[in-house]
Protein backbone atom coordinates (compact mmCIF):
# COMPACT_ATOMS: atom_id res chain seq x y z
CA SER A 1 -230.90 -136.55 12.91
CA GLN A 2 -234.13 -137.82 14.52
CA GLN A 3 -236.29 -136.31 11.72
CA THR A 4 -234.22 -138.06 9.13
CA LYS A 5 -234.60 -141.44 10.88
CA ARG A 6 -238.36 -140.87 11.16
CA VAL A 7 -238.67 -140.16 7.40
CA GLU A 8 -236.58 -143.23 6.60
CA GLY A 9 -238.59 -145.37 8.95
CA ARG A 10 -241.82 -144.12 7.33
CA GLY A 11 -240.46 -145.00 3.91
CA ASP A 12 -239.59 -148.45 5.10
CA HIS A 13 -243.12 -148.84 6.56
CA ILE A 14 -244.73 -147.75 3.31
CA ARG A 15 -242.47 -150.21 1.27
CA HIS A 16 -243.37 -153.08 3.63
CA LEU A 17 -247.05 -152.19 3.37
CA GLY A 18 -246.81 -152.21 -0.45
CA GLU A 19 -244.98 -155.53 -0.52
CA SER A 20 -247.48 -157.12 1.86
CA ALA A 21 -250.40 -155.75 -0.09
CA HIS A 22 -248.93 -157.24 -3.31
CA LEU A 23 -248.69 -160.68 -1.76
CA LEU A 24 -252.19 -160.53 -0.32
CA THR A 25 -253.88 -159.12 -3.46
CA ASP A 26 -252.07 -161.69 -5.59
CA ALA A 27 -253.82 -164.29 -3.43
CA GLY A 28 -257.17 -162.64 -4.28
CA LEU A 29 -257.62 -160.93 -0.95
CA ILE A 30 -258.71 -157.34 -0.25
CA VAL A 31 -256.35 -155.27 1.88
CA ILE A 32 -257.73 -152.35 3.91
CA THR A 33 -255.37 -150.17 5.83
CA THR A 34 -254.85 -146.59 6.92
CA VAL A 35 -251.89 -144.31 6.40
CA SER A 36 -251.92 -140.94 8.02
CA HIS A 37 -250.71 -137.93 6.13
CA MET A 38 -249.79 -139.91 2.97
CA ASP A 39 -248.40 -137.82 0.07
CA ASP A 40 -247.99 -138.26 -3.59
CA SER A 41 -244.74 -140.15 -3.54
CA GLU A 42 -245.98 -142.60 -0.89
CA ALA A 43 -249.19 -143.28 -2.82
CA GLN A 44 -247.21 -143.84 -6.04
CA MET A 45 -244.90 -146.18 -4.16
CA LEU A 46 -247.82 -148.25 -2.94
CA LYS A 47 -249.37 -148.30 -6.38
CA THR A 48 -246.09 -149.42 -7.96
CA LEU A 49 -245.45 -152.06 -5.40
CA ASN A 50 -248.98 -153.51 -5.78
CA GLU A 51 -248.83 -153.76 -9.60
CA PRO A 52 -250.43 -155.38 -11.52
CA ASN A 53 -253.18 -155.38 -8.90
CA ASP A 54 -255.43 -152.41 -8.30
CA ILE A 55 -255.11 -149.93 -5.46
CA ILE A 56 -257.90 -147.67 -4.35
CA ILE A 57 -256.97 -144.59 -2.33
CA ILE A 58 -259.54 -142.77 -0.27
CA ASN A 59 -258.66 -139.65 1.63
CA ILE A 60 -260.79 -138.49 4.54
CA GLY A 61 -260.26 -134.90 5.67
CA ASP A 62 -257.47 -132.63 4.62
CA SER A 63 -255.55 -133.85 1.61
CA GLU A 64 -251.74 -133.75 1.26
CA PHE A 65 -251.96 -134.94 -2.34
CA LEU A 66 -250.85 -132.46 -4.96
CA ASP A 67 -250.65 -134.48 -8.18
CA PHE A 68 -251.59 -138.08 -7.35
CA SER A 69 -255.13 -138.85 -8.48
CA ILE A 70 -256.97 -140.36 -5.50
CA ASP A 71 -260.21 -142.38 -6.00
CA LEU A 72 -262.28 -140.64 -3.45
CA GLN A 73 -262.11 -137.51 -1.25
CA ILE A 74 -264.42 -137.55 1.79
CA ASP A 75 -265.28 -134.54 3.93
CA ASN A 76 -264.19 -135.09 7.53
CA SER A 77 -267.33 -133.33 8.78
CA LEU A 78 -269.58 -136.17 7.55
CA SER A 79 -270.77 -138.72 10.08
CA GLN A 80 -268.85 -141.98 10.21
CA SER A 81 -271.95 -143.75 8.83
CA SER A 82 -272.08 -141.42 5.87
CA GLN A 83 -268.33 -141.79 5.28
CA LEU A 84 -268.75 -145.65 5.30
CA GLN A 85 -271.69 -145.44 2.97
CA THR A 86 -269.78 -143.30 0.48
CA ILE A 87 -266.79 -145.76 0.56
CA ARG A 88 -269.20 -148.72 0.04
CA LYS A 89 -270.75 -147.07 -2.99
CA LEU A 90 -267.28 -146.64 -4.50
CA LEU A 91 -266.33 -150.23 -3.75
CA TYR A 92 -269.49 -151.48 -5.50
CA LYS A 93 -268.98 -149.12 -8.47
CA LYS A 94 -265.42 -150.49 -8.92
CA GLU A 95 -266.81 -154.01 -8.41
CA VAL A 96 -264.57 -154.73 -5.44
CA LEU A 97 -267.70 -155.70 -3.46
CA GLN A 98 -270.67 -157.58 -4.88
CA ASP A 99 -274.38 -156.98 -4.29
CA ALA A 100 -274.71 -159.99 -1.91
CA LEU A 101 -272.58 -158.09 0.59
CA TYR A 102 -274.58 -154.89 0.43
């Protein structure tokens, strides 16, 4: 059915994203991307595919995560500027970004 093809296509998209992220993070790069309506299994797939490199998952707005431990939950009602500031703080705390970039 059309729904089955859509789910399979999304799984392929997540897998390709994880494989690409692995290649780029192995090269020392930071990968920033968005995935709408990501769930526990998709987040775990990205984390597994990117190992041994780190992955940081930030959710803005309603969360579809049940068991996966995300790094940051941001209220969608905050201004975009406040959301970005919150994300920056997390990235500095995790030493992804350095003071010179702040």
